[in-house]
Amino acid sequence: MDGTQLKPVGTVASWNFGRFDSADATKMLHDYANTTSDKDRTAAMDGLQKIMVEQVPAIPLASGAIGAEFSTKYWTGFPTADNPYAVPQPTQPSLSQVMMKLTPVK
C-alpha cells in the first residue's frame, strides 16, 4: 500500500507488489512509522483498515513471516546479522545469490 514503493508495471516491485496507489494510505503508513503517540498510531491504523476494506481490490487472507533456518555443519557463507547480503529464506529471489556464496566445510 506504500506509494513510495510503487513501481511501474513491468519492473520489479519488492514491497508494493500489488501496485496499489493511495496518497492517503501512503501518508498513514508514514504517520504510523514516525509517531510516538499511541493515539496517532491508532488513527493511522483505523484509516488504513478503512482503505483496505473499501478501496483495495483484493485482501490477503494469510501472511507469514519470511524466516530462514540453516545449518553450518556442511556449508558456510549464509547471510548473518553481521553480513546480511541477501534474504536467506529459500523461496525468495535472492536464493541464487546465497547459493553462490556457500562453501563446503572441510
PDB file of N, CA and C in Angstrom:
ATOM      1  N   MET A   1       0.808  -1.203   0.000  1.00  0.00           N
ATOM      2  CA  MET A   1       0.000   0.000   0.000  1.00  0.00           C
ATOM      3  C   MET A   1       0.849   1.262   0.000  1.00  0.00           C
ATOM      4  N   ASP A   2       2.149   1.116   0.176  1.00  0.00           N
ATOM      5  CA  ASP A   2       3.015   2.285   0.301  1.00  0.00           C
ATOM      6  C   ASP A   2       3.353   2.850  -1.069  1.00  0.00           C
ATOM      7  N   GLY A   3       2.806   4.029  -1.364  1.00  0.00           N
ATOM      8  CA  GLY A   3       3.045   4.661  -2.653  1.00  0.00           C
ATOM      9  C   GLY A   3       4.494   5.028  -2.902  1.00  0.00           C
ATOM     10  N   THR A   4       5.294   5.171  -1.831  1.00  0.00           N
ATOM     11  CA  THR A   4       6.711   5.468  -2.043  1.00  0.00           C
ATOM     12  C   THR A   4       7.441   4.263  -2.629  1.00  0.00           C
ATOM     13  N   GLN A   5       6.818   3.091  -2.543  1.00  0.00           N
ATOM     14  CA  GLN A   5       7.413   1.871  -3.087  1.00  0.00           C
ATOM     15  C   GLN A   5       6.753   1.444  -4.396  1.00  0.00           C
ATOM     16  N   LEU A   6       5.898   2.283  -4.940  1.00  0.00           N
ATOM     17  CA  LEU A   6       5.172   1.960  -6.168  1.00  0.00           C
ATOM     18  C   LEU A   6       6.125   1.924  -7.366  1.00  0.00           C
ATOM     19  N   LYS A   7       6.081   0.852  -8.115  1.00  0.00           N
ATOM     20  CA  LYS A   7       6.904   0.693  -9.314  1.00  0.00           C
ATOM     21  C   LYS A   7       5.989   0.490 -10.517  1.00  0.00           C
ATOM     22  N   PRO A   8       6.390   0.941 -11.693  1.00  0.00           N
ATOM     23  CA  PRO A   8       5.567   0.734 -12.887  1.00  0.00           C
ATOM     24  C   PRO A   8       5.435  -0.755 -13.228  1.00  0.00           C
ATOM     25  N   VAL A   9       4.312  -1.113 -13.815  1.00  0.00           N
ATOM     26  CA  VAL A   9       4.116  -2.480 -14.288  1.00  0.00           C
ATOM     27  C   VAL A   9       5.240  -2.803 -15.268  1.00  0.00           C
ATOM     28  N   GLY A  10       5.809  -3.977 -15.133  1.00  0.00           N
ATOM     29  CA  GLY A  10       6.930  -4.390 -15.981  1.00  0.00           C
ATOM     30  C   GLY A  10       8.270  -4.259 -15.291  1.00  0.00           C
ATOM     31  N   THR A  11       8.282  -3.640 -14.102  1.00  0.00           N
ATOM     32  CA  THR A  11       9.504  -3.545 -13.309  1.00  0.00           C
ATOM     33  C   THR A  11       9.294  -4.331 -12.016  1.00  0.00           C
ATOM     34  N   VAL A  12      10.381  -4.693 -11.377  1.00  0.00           N
ATOM     35  CA  VAL A  12      10.308  -5.466 -10.138  1.00  0.00           C
ATOM     36  C   VAL A  12       9.750  -4.596  -9.019  1.00  0.00           C
ATOM     37  N   ALA A  13       8.780  -5.126  -8.320  1.00  0.00           N
ATOM     38  CA  ALA A  13       8.183  -4.433  -7.183  1.00  0.00           C
ATOM     39  C   ALA A  13       8.424  -5.294  -5.940  1.00  0.00           C
ATOM     40  N   SER A  14       9.405  -4.913  -5.147  1.00  0.00           N
ATOM     41  CA  SER A  14       9.761  -5.718  -3.985  1.00  0.00           C
ATOM     42  C   SER A  14       8.782  -5.561  -2.831  1.00  0.00           C
ATOM     43  N   TRP A  15       8.208  -4.368  -2.646  1.00  0.00           N
ATOM     44  CA  TRP A  15       7.324  -4.146  -1.495  1.00  0.00           C
ATOM     45  C   TRP A  15       5.889  -3.949  -1.912  1.00  0.00           C
ATOM     46  N   ASN A  16       5.596  -2.971  -2.722  1.00  0.00           N
ATOM     47  CA  ASN A  16       4.216  -2.720  -3.136  1.00  0.00           C
ATOM     48  C   ASN A  16       3.940  -3.545  -4.381  1.00  0.00           C
ATOM     49  N   PHE A  17       4.001  -4.869  -4.239  1.00  0.00           N
ATOM     50  CA  PHE A  17       3.866  -5.733  -5.406  1.00  0.00           C
ATOM     51  C   PHE A  17       2.440  -5.786  -5.924  1.00  0.00           C
ATOM     52  N   GLY A  18       1.471  -5.352  -5.129  1.00  0.00           N
ATOM     53  CA  GLY A  18       0.102  -5.246  -5.608  1.00  0.00           C
ATOM     54  C   GLY A  18      -0.133  -3.976  -6.396  1.00  0.00           C
ATOM     55  N   ARG A  19       0.837  -3.066  -6.316  1.00  0.00           N
ATOM     56  CA  ARG A  19       0.824  -1.791  -7.036  1.00  0.00           C
ATOM     57  C   ARG A  19      -0.413  -0.958  -6.720  1.00  0.00           C
ATOM     58  N   PHE A  20      -0.868  -1.047  -5.476  1.00  0.00           N
ATOM     59  CA  PHE A  20      -1.972  -0.206  -5.018  1.00  0.00           C
ATOM     60  C   PHE A  20      -1.423   1.183  -4.743  1.00  0.00           C
ATOM     61  N   ASP A  21      -2.139   2.203  -5.186  1.00  0.00           N
ATOM     62  CA  ASP A  21      -1.664   3.577  -5.025  1.00  0.00           C
ATOM     63  C   ASP A  21      -2.736   4.427  -4.368  1.00  0.00           C
ATOM     64  N   SER A  22      -2.431   4.940  -3.206  1.00  0.00           N
ATOM     65  CA  SER A  22      -3.328   5.834  -2.485  1.00  0.00           C
ATOM     66  C   SER A  22      -2.472   6.810  -1.689  1.00  0.00           C
ATOM     67  N   ALA A  23      -2.597   8.069  -1.996  1.00  0.00           N
ATOM     68  CA  ALA A  23      -1.836   9.084  -1.259  1.00  0.00           C
ATOM     69  C   ALA A  23      -2.206   9.054   0.221  1.00  0.00           C
ATOM     70  N   ASP A  24      -3.485   8.801   0.514  1.00  0.00           N
ATOM     71  CA  ASP A  24      -3.915   8.726   1.917  1.00  0.00           C
ATOM     72  C   ASP A  24      -3.258   7.553   2.638  1.00  0.00           C
ATOM     73  N   ALA A  25      -3.224   6.392   1.994  1.00  0.00           N
ATOM     74  CA  ALA A  25      -2.594   5.217   2.617  1.00  0.00           C
ATOM     75  C   ALA A  25      -1.105   5.461   2.830  1.00  0.00           C
ATOM     76  N   THR A  26      -0.441   6.044   1.852  1.00  0.00           N
ATOM     77  CA  THR A  26       0.986   6.335   1.978  1.00  0.00           C
ATOM     78  C   THR A  26       1.237   7.266   3.163  1.00  0.00           C
ATOM     79  N   LYS A  27       0.415   8.288   3.306  1.00  0.00           N
ATOM     80  CA  LYS A  27       0.571   9.221   4.424  1.00  0.00           C
ATOM     81  C   LYS A  27       0.328   8.511   5.757  1.00  0.00           C
ATOM     82  N   MET A  28      -0.690   7.668   5.817  1.00  0.00           N
ATOM     83  CA  MET A  28      -0.996   6.955   7.067  1.00  0.00           C
ATOM     84  C   MET A  28       0.135   5.998   7.450  1.00  0.00           C
ATOM     85  N   LEU A  29       0.715   5.328   6.473  1.00  0.00           N
ATOM     86  CA  LEU A  29       1.855   4.450   6.756  1.00  0.00           C
ATOM     87  C   LEU A  29       3.027   5.265   7.290  1.00  0.00           C
ATOM     88  N   HIS A  30       3.280   6.410   6.675  1.00  0.00           N
ATOM     89  CA  HIS A  30       4.350   7.296   7.140  1.00  0.00           C
ATOM     90  C   HIS A  30       4.058   7.792   8.551  1.00  0.00           C
ATOM     91  N   ASP A  31       2.825   8.220   8.781  1.00  0.00           N
ATOM     92  CA  ASP A  31       2.444   8.720  10.104  1.00  0.00           C
ATOM     93  C   ASP A  31       2.624   7.634  11.161  1.00  0.00           C
ATOM     94  N   TYR A  32       2.171   6.424  10.855  1.00  0.00           N
ATOM     95  CA  TYR A  32       2.281   5.320  11.805  1.00  0.00           C
ATOM     96  C   TYR A  32       3.751   5.050  12.154  1.00  0.00           C
ATOM     97  N   ALA A  33       4.594   5.029  11.142  1.00  0.00           N
ATOM     98  CA  ALA A  33       6.007   4.707  11.357  1.00  0.00           C
ATOM     99  C   ALA A  33       6.779   5.808  12.075  1.00  0.00           C
ATOM    100  N   ASN A  34       6.287   7.021  12.014  1.00  0.00           N
ATOM    101  CA  ASN A  34       7.071   8.144  12.523  1.00  0.00           C
ATOM    102  C   ASN A  34       6.505   8.831  13.759  1.00  0.00           C
ATOM    103  N   THR A  35       5.443   8.305  14.325  1.00  0.00           N
ATOM    104  CA  THR A  35       4.884   8.930  15.518  1.00  0.00           C
ATOM    105  C   THR A  35       5.218   8.102  16.756  1.00  0.00           C
ATOM    106  N   THR A  36       5.225   8.748  17.883  1.00  0.00           N
ATOM    107  CA  THR A  36       5.417   8.041  19.152  1.00  0.00           C
ATOM    108  C   THR A  36       4.115   8.019  19.950  1.00  0.00           C
ATOM    109  N   SER A  37       3.068   8.545  19.362  1.00  0.00           N
ATOM    110  CA  SER A  37       1.780   8.639  20.034  1.00  0.00           C
ATOM    111  C   SER A  37       0.900   7.430  19.714  1.00  0.00           C
ATOM    112  N   ASP A  38       0.438   6.740  20.743  1.00  0.00           N
ATOM    113  CA  ASP A  38      -0.473   5.615  20.524  1.00  0.00           C
ATOM    114  C   ASP A  38      -1.762   6.089  19.847  1.00  0.00           C
ATOM    115  N   LYS A  39      -2.221   7.266  20.206  1.00  0.00           N
ATOM    116  CA  LYS A  39      -3.435   7.820  19.611  1.00  0.00           C
ATOM    117  C   LYS A  39      -3.256   8.019  18.101  1.00  0.00           C
ATOM    118  N   ASP A  40      -2.101   8.565  17.697  1.00  0.00           N
ATOM    119  CA  ASP A  40      -1.840   8.786  16.270  1.00  0.00           C
ATOM    120  C   ASP A  40      -1.655   7.467  15.524  1.00  0.00           C
ATOM    121  N   ARG A  41      -1.018   6.499  16.164  1.00  0.00           N
ATOM    122  CA  ARG A  41      -0.852   5.177  15.531  1.00  0.00           C
ATOM    123  C   ARG A  41      -2.209   4.513  15.322  1.00  0.00           C
ATOM    124  N   THR A  42      -3.069   4.612  16.327  1.00  0.00           N
ATOM    125  CA  THR A  42      -4.405   4.031  16.208  1.00  0.00           C
ATOM    126  C   THR A  42      -5.182   4.704  15.081  1.00  0.00           C
ATOM    127  N   ALA A  43      -5.085   6.026  14.987  1.00  0.00           N
ATOM    128  CA  ALA A  43      -5.772   6.752  13.910  1.00  0.00           C
ATOM    129  C   ALA A  43      -5.257   6.309  12.537  1.00  0.00           C
ATOM    130  N   ALA A  44      -3.960   6.143  12.417  1.00  0.00           N
ATOM    131  CA  ALA A  44      -3.375   5.694  11.140  1.00  0.00           C
ATOM    132  C   ALA A  44      -3.859   4.288  10.797  1.00  0.00           C
ATOM    133  N   MET A  45      -3.859   3.387  11.767  1.00  0.00           N
ATOM    134  CA  MET A  45      -4.313   2.013  11.515  1.00  0.00           C
ATOM    135  C   MET A  45      -5.798   1.973  11.184  1.00  0.00           C
ATOM    136  N   ASP A  46      -6.597   2.785  11.874  1.00  0.00           N
ATOM    137  CA  ASP A  46      -8.027   2.844  11.560  1.00  0.00           C
ATOM    138  C   ASP A  46      -8.242   3.299  10.124  1.00  0.00           C
ATOM    139  N   GLY A  47      -7.498   4.306   9.709  1.00  0.00           N
ATOM    140  CA  GLY A  47      -7.609   4.804   8.338  1.00  0.00           C
ATOM    141  C   GLY A  47      -7.153   3.779   7.315  1.00  0.00           C
ATOM    142  N   LEU A  48      -6.055   3.089   7.609  1.00  0.00           N
ATOM    143  CA  LEU A  48      -5.558   2.053   6.694  1.00  0.00           C
ATOM    144  C   LEU A  48      -6.549   0.902   6.572  1.00  0.00           C
ATOM    145  N   GLN A  49      -7.171   0.540   7.686  1.00  0.00           N
ATOM    146  CA  GLN A  49      -8.163  -0.531   7.646  1.00  0.00           C
ATOM    147  C   GLN A  49      -9.343  -0.132   6.761  1.00  0.00           C
ATOM    148  N   LYS A  50      -9.790   1.092   6.889  1.00  0.00           N
ATOM    149  CA  LYS A  50     -10.913   1.585   6.071  1.00  0.00           C
ATOM    150  C   LYS A  50     -10.541   1.559   4.587  1.00  0.00           C
ATOM    151  N   ILE A  51      -9.351   2.006   4.264  1.00  0.00           N
ATOM    152  CA  ILE A  51      -8.891   1.975   2.866  1.00  0.00           C
ATOM    153  C   ILE A  51      -8.802   0.540   2.370  1.00  0.00           C
ATOM    154  N   MET A  52      -8.267  -0.338   3.194  1.00  0.00           N
ATOM    155  CA  MET A  52      -8.112  -1.740   2.793  1.00  0.00           C
ATOM    156  C   MET A  52      -9.470  -2.366   2.463  1.00  0.00           C
ATOM    157  N   VAL A  53     -10.451  -2.111   3.289  1.00  0.00           N
ATOM    158  CA  VAL A  53     -11.767  -2.711   3.099  1.00  0.00           C
ATOM    159  C   VAL A  53     -12.536  -2.059   1.950  1.00  0.00           C
ATOM    160  N   GLU A  54     -12.429  -0.764   1.799  1.00  0.00           N
ATOM    161  CA  GLU A  54     -13.259  -0.054   0.834  1.00  0.00           C
ATOM    162  C   GLU A  54     -12.613   0.162  -0.536  1.00  0.00           C
ATOM    163  N   GLN A  55     -11.271   0.145  -0.617  1.00  0.00           N
ATOM    164  CA  GLN A  55     -10.640   0.514  -1.880  1.00  0.00           C
ATOM    165  C   GLN A  55      -9.747  -0.557  -2.494  1.00  0.00           C
ATOM    166  N   VAL A  56      -9.112  -1.366  -1.684  1.00  0.00           N
ATOM    167  CA  VAL A  56      -8.166  -2.355  -2.220  1.00  0.00           C
ATOM    168  C   VAL A  56      -8.951  -3.468  -2.911  1.00  0.00           C
ATOM    169  N   PRO A  57      -8.578  -3.818  -4.147  1.00  0.00           N
ATOM    170  CA  PRO A  57      -9.366  -4.796  -4.902  1.00  0.00           C
ATOM    171  C   PRO A  57      -9.260  -6.238  -4.399  1.00  0.00           C
ATOM    172  N   ALA A  58      -8.248  -6.557  -3.645  1.00  0.00           N
ATOM    173  CA  ALA A  58      -8.104  -7.916  -3.108  1.00  0.00           C
ATOM    174  C   ALA A  58      -7.456  -7.822  -1.735  1.00  0.00           C
ATOM    175  N   ILE A  59      -7.973  -8.594  -0.805  1.00  0.00           N
ATOM    176  CA  ILE A  59      -7.452  -8.574   0.556  1.00  0.00           C
ATOM    177  C   ILE A  59      -6.751  -9.899   0.824  1.00  0.00           C
ATOM    178  N   PRO A  60      -5.465  -9.877   1.209  1.00  0.00           N
ATOM    179  CA  PRO A  60      -4.769 -11.124   1.517  1.00  0.00           C
ATOM    180  C   PRO A  60      -5.402 -11.794   2.731  1.00  0.00           C
ATOM    181  N   LEU A  61      -5.571 -13.085   2.657  1.00  0.00           N
ATOM    182  CA  LEU A  61      -6.194 -13.818   3.754  1.00  0.00           C
ATOM    183  C   LEU A  61      -5.182 -14.453   4.687  1.00  0.00           C
ATOM    184  N   ALA A  62      -3.948 -14.487   4.274  1.00  0.00           N
ATOM    185  CA  ALA A  62      -2.911 -15.079   5.117  1.00  0.00           C
ATOM    186  C   ALA A  62      -1.613 -14.329   4.896  1.00  0.00           C
ATOM    187  N   SER A  63      -0.794 -14.348   5.908  1.00  0.00           N
ATOM    188  CA  SER A  63       0.503 -13.713   5.817  1.00  0.00           C
ATOM    189  C   SER A  63       1.467 -14.516   6.661  1.00  0.00           C
ATOM    190  N   GLY A  64       2.670 -14.570   6.249  1.00  0.00           N
ATOM    191  CA  GLY A  64       3.667 -15.282   7.028  1.00  0.00           C
ATOM    192  C   GLY A  64       4.970 -14.528   7.016  1.00  0.00           C
ATOM    193  N   ALA A  65       5.659 -14.649   8.085  1.00  0.00           N
ATOM    194  CA  ALA A  65       6.974 -14.004   8.159  1.00  0.00           C
ATOM    195  C   ALA A  65       7.946 -14.715   7.222  1.00  0.00           C
ATOM    196  N   ILE A  66       8.890 -13.957   6.708  1.00  0.00           N
ATOM    197  CA  ILE A  66       9.934 -14.555   5.887  1.00  0.00           C
ATOM    198  C   ILE A  66      11.082 -14.871   6.824  1.00  0.00           C
ATOM    199  N   GLY A  67      11.231 -16.127   7.108  1.00  0.00           N
ATOM    200  CA  GLY A  67      12.279 -16.561   8.014  1.00  0.00           C
ATOM    201  C   GLY A  67      13.180 -17.567   7.328  1.00  0.00           C
ATOM    202  N   ALA A  68      14.213 -17.932   8.002  1.00  0.00           N
ATOM    203  CA  ALA A  68      15.141 -18.914   7.435  1.00  0.00           C
ATOM    204  C   ALA A  68      15.828 -19.661   8.563  1.00  0.00           C
ATOM    205  N   GLU A  69      16.153 -20.873   8.265  1.00  0.00           N
ATOM    206  CA  GLU A  69      16.908 -21.682   9.212  1.00  0.00           C
ATOM    207  C   GLU A  69      17.925 -22.466   8.394  1.00  0.00           C
ATOM    208  N   PHE A  70      19.138 -22.515   8.876  1.00  0.00           N
ATOM    209  CA  PHE A  70      20.161 -23.252   8.144  1.00  0.00           C
ATOM    210  C   PHE A  70      21.178 -23.803   9.126  1.00  0.00           C
ATOM    211  N   SER A  71      21.940 -24.756   8.647  1.00  0.00           N
ATOM    212  CA  SER A  71      22.987 -25.376   9.450  1.00  0.00           C
ATOM    213  C   SER A  71      24.327 -25.123   8.774  1.00  0.00           C
ATOM    214  N   THR A  72      25.338 -24.848   9.573  1.00  0.00           N
ATOM    215  CA  THR A  72      26.682 -24.657   9.028  1.00  0.00           C
ATOM    216  C   THR A  72      27.525 -25.928   9.215  1.00  0.00           C
ATOM    217  N   LYS A  73      26.847 -27.055   9.427  1.00  0.00           N
ATOM    218  CA  LYS A  73      27.571 -28.312   9.608  1.00  0.00           C
ATOM    219  C   LYS A  73      28.332 -28.694   8.335  1.00  0.00           C
ATOM    220  N   TYR A  74      27.717 -28.509   7.179  1.00  0.00           N
ATOM    221  CA  TYR A  74      28.343 -28.901   5.918  1.00  0.00           C
ATOM    222  C   TYR A  74      28.663 -27.720   4.998  1.00  0.00           C
ATOM    223  N   TRP A  75      27.997 -26.575   5.209  1.00  0.00           N
ATOM    224  CA  TRP A  75      28.169 -25.417   4.332  1.00  0.00           C
ATOM    225  C   TRP A  75      28.279 -24.147   5.161  1.00  0.00           C
ATOM    226  N   THR A  76      29.104 -23.208   4.715  1.00  0.00           N
ATOM    227  CA  THR A  76      29.202 -21.891   5.358  1.00  0.00           C
ATOM    228  C   THR A  76      29.000 -20.814   4.307  1.00  0.00           C
ATOM    229  N   GLY A  77      28.774 -19.588   4.768  1.00  0.00           N
ATOM    230  CA  GLY A  77      28.599 -18.465   3.865  1.00  0.00           C
ATOM    231  C   GLY A  77      27.174 -17.937   3.823  1.00  0.00           C
ATOM    232  N   PHE A  78      26.315 -18.452   4.710  1.00  0.00           N
ATOM    233  CA  PHE A  78      24.935 -17.966   4.762  1.00  0.00           C
ATOM    234  C   PHE A  78      24.903 -16.521   5.241  1.00  0.00           C
ATOM    235  N   PRO A  79      23.863 -15.780   4.881  1.00  0.00           N
ATOM    236  CA  PRO A  79      23.715 -14.427   5.418  1.00  0.00           C
ATOM    237  C   PRO A  79      23.616 -14.460   6.946  1.00  0.00           C
ATOM    238  N   THR A  80      24.202 -13.476   7.578  1.00  0.00           N
ATOM    239  CA  THR A  80      24.168 -13.388   9.036  1.00  0.00           C
ATOM    240  C   THR A  80      23.800 -11.954   9.427  1.00  0.00           C
ATOM    241  N   ALA A  81      23.612 -11.737  10.715  1.00  0.00           N
ATOM    242  CA  ALA A  81      23.331 -10.383  11.200  1.00  0.00           C
ATOM    243  C   ALA A  81      24.503  -9.453  10.879  1.00  0.00           C
ATOM    244  N   ASP A  82      25.723  -9.978  10.902  1.00  0.00           N
ATOM    245  CA  ASP A  82      26.904  -9.169  10.592  1.00  0.00           C
ATOM    246  C   ASP A  82      27.126  -8.997   9.083  1.00  0.00           C
ATOM    247  N   ASN A  83      26.581  -9.906   8.293  1.00  0.00           N
ATOM    248  CA  ASN A  83      26.736  -9.844   6.839  1.00  0.00           C
ATOM    249  C   ASN A  83      25.398 -10.204   6.174  1.00  0.00           C
ATOM    250  N   PRO A  84      24.420  -9.292   6.250  1.00  0.00           N
ATOM    251  CA  PRO A  84      23.095  -9.582   5.698  1.00  0.00           C
ATOM    252  C   PRO A  84      23.015  -9.284   4.191  1.00  0.00           C
ATOM    253  N   TYR A  85      23.824  -9.975   3.408  1.00  0.00           N
ATOM    254  CA  TYR A  85      23.942  -9.658   1.993  1.00  0.00           C
ATOM    255  C   TYR A  85      22.715 -10.052   1.171  1.00  0.00           C
ATOM    256  N   ALA A  86      21.837 -10.904   1.712  1.00  0.00           N
ATOM    257  CA  ALA A  86      20.646 -11.339   0.978  1.00  0.00           C
ATOM    258  C   ALA A  86      19.632 -11.892   1.972  1.00  0.00           C
ATOM    259  N   VAL A  87      18.396 -12.045   1.505  1.00  0.00           N
ATOM    260  CA  VAL A  87      17.372 -12.704   2.314  1.00  0.00           C
ATOM    261  C   VAL A  87      17.670 -14.199   2.264  1.00  0.00           C
ATOM    262  N   PRO A  88      17.891 -14.847   3.414  1.00  0.00           N
ATOM    263  CA  PRO A  88      18.276 -16.250   3.393  1.00  0.00           C
ATOM    264  C   PRO A  88      17.121 -17.224   3.165  1.00  0.00           C
ATOM    265  N   GLN A  89      15.886 -16.744   3.139  1.00  0.00           N
ATOM    266  CA  GLN A  89      14.731 -17.619   3.002  1.00  0.00           C
ATOM    267  C   GLN A  89      14.751 -18.286   1.629  1.00  0.00           C
ATOM    268  N   PRO A  90      14.608 -19.615   1.556  1.00  0.00           N
ATOM    269  CA  PRO A  90      14.832 -20.336   0.294  1.00  0.00           C
ATOM    270  C   PRO A  90      13.790 -20.126  -0.801  1.00  0.00           C
ATOM    271  N   THR A  91      12.666 -19.483  -0.519  1.00  0.00           N
ATOM    272  CA  THR A  91      11.685 -19.251  -1.584  1.00  0.00           C
ATOM    273  C   THR A  91      11.785 -17.834  -2.152  1.00  0.00           C
ATOM    274  N   GLN A  92      12.768 -17.067  -1.727  1.00  0.00           N
ATOM    275  CA  GLN A  92      12.923 -15.689  -2.190  1.00  0.00           C
ATOM    276  C   GLN A  92      13.862 -15.628  -3.400  1.00  0.00           C
ATOM    277  N   PRO A  93      13.731 -14.580  -4.205  1.00  0.00           N
ATOM    278  CA  PRO A  93      14.574 -14.460  -5.398  1.00  0.00           C
ATOM    279  C   PRO A  93      16.073 -14.433  -5.110  1.00  0.00           C
ATOM    280  N   SER A  94      16.452 -14.082  -3.886  1.00  0.00           N
ATOM    281  CA  SER A  94      17.877 -14.000  -3.566  1.00  0.00           C
ATOM    282  C   SER A  94      18.513 -15.365  -3.302  1.00  0.00           C
ATOM    283  N   LEU A  95      17.751 -16.445  -3.434  1.00  0.00           N
ATOM    284  CA  LEU A  95      18.300 -17.780  -3.174  1.00  0.00           C
ATOM    285  C   LEU A  95      19.552 -18.056  -4.005  1.00  0.00           C
ATOM    286  N   SER A  96      19.552 -17.681  -5.276  1.00  0.00           N
ATOM    287  CA  SER A  96      20.727 -17.959  -6.113  1.00  0.00           C
ATOM    288  C   SER A  96      21.949 -17.200  -5.608  1.00  0.00           C
ATOM    289  N   GLN A  97      21.748 -15.994  -5.097  1.00  0.00           N
ATOM    290  CA  GLN A  97      22.863 -15.221  -4.543  1.00  0.00           C
ATOM    291  C   GLN A  97      23.432 -15.939  -3.316  1.00  0.00           C
ATOM    292  N   VAL A  98      22.553 -16.450  -2.469  1.00  0.00           N
ATOM    293  CA  VAL A  98      23.009 -17.193  -1.288  1.00  0.00           C
ATOM    294  C   VAL A  98      23.767 -18.440  -1.726  1.00  0.00           C
ATOM    295  N   MET A  99      23.208 -19.182  -2.654  1.00  0.00           N
ATOM    296  CA  MET A  99      23.839 -20.428  -3.098  1.00  0.00           C
ATOM    297  C   MET A  99      25.248 -20.186  -3.649  1.00  0.00           C
ATOM    298  N   MET A 100      25.442 -19.071  -4.344  1.00  0.00           N
ATOM    299  CA  MET A 100      26.764 -18.801  -4.924  1.00  0.00           C
ATOM    300  C   MET A 100      27.785 -18.384  -3.881  1.00  0.00           C
ATOM    301  N   LYS A 101      27.352 -18.031  -2.689  1.00  0.00           N
ATOM    302  CA  LYS A 101      28.276 -17.640  -1.614  1.00  0.00           C
ATOM    303  C   LYS A 101      28.648 -18.814  -0.698  1.00  0.00           C
ATOM    304  N   LEU A 102      27.934 -19.922  -0.811  1.00  0.00           N
ATOM    305  CA  LEU A 102      28.192 -21.043   0.087  1.00  0.00           C
ATOM    306  C   LEU A 102      29.470 -21.785  -0.292  1.00  0.00           C
ATOM    307  N   THR A 103      30.165 -22.223   0.745  1.00  0.00           N
ATOM    308  CA  THR A 103      31.349 -23.043   0.537  1.00  0.00           C
ATOM    309  C   THR A 103      31.278 -24.254   1.446  1.00  0.00           C
ATOM    310  N   PRO A 104      31.759 -25.421   0.963  1.00  0.00           N
ATOM    311  CA  PRO A 104      31.703 -26.628   1.800  1.00  0.00           C
ATOM    312  C   PRO A 104      32.642 -26.536   2.989  1.00  0.00           C
ATOM    313  N   VAL A 105      32.207 -27.123   4.088  1.00  0.00           N
ATOM    314  CA  VAL A 105      33.071 -27.223   5.270  1.00  0.00           C
ATOM    315  C   VAL A 105      34.034 -28.351   5.005  1.00  0.00           C
ATOM    316  N   LYS A 106      35.307 -28.108   5.331  1.00  0.00           N
ATOM    317  CA  LYS A 106      36.342 -29.135   5.073  1.00  0.00           C
ATOM    318  C   LYS A 106      36.663 -29.904   6.313  1.00  0.00           C
TER     319      LYS A 106
END
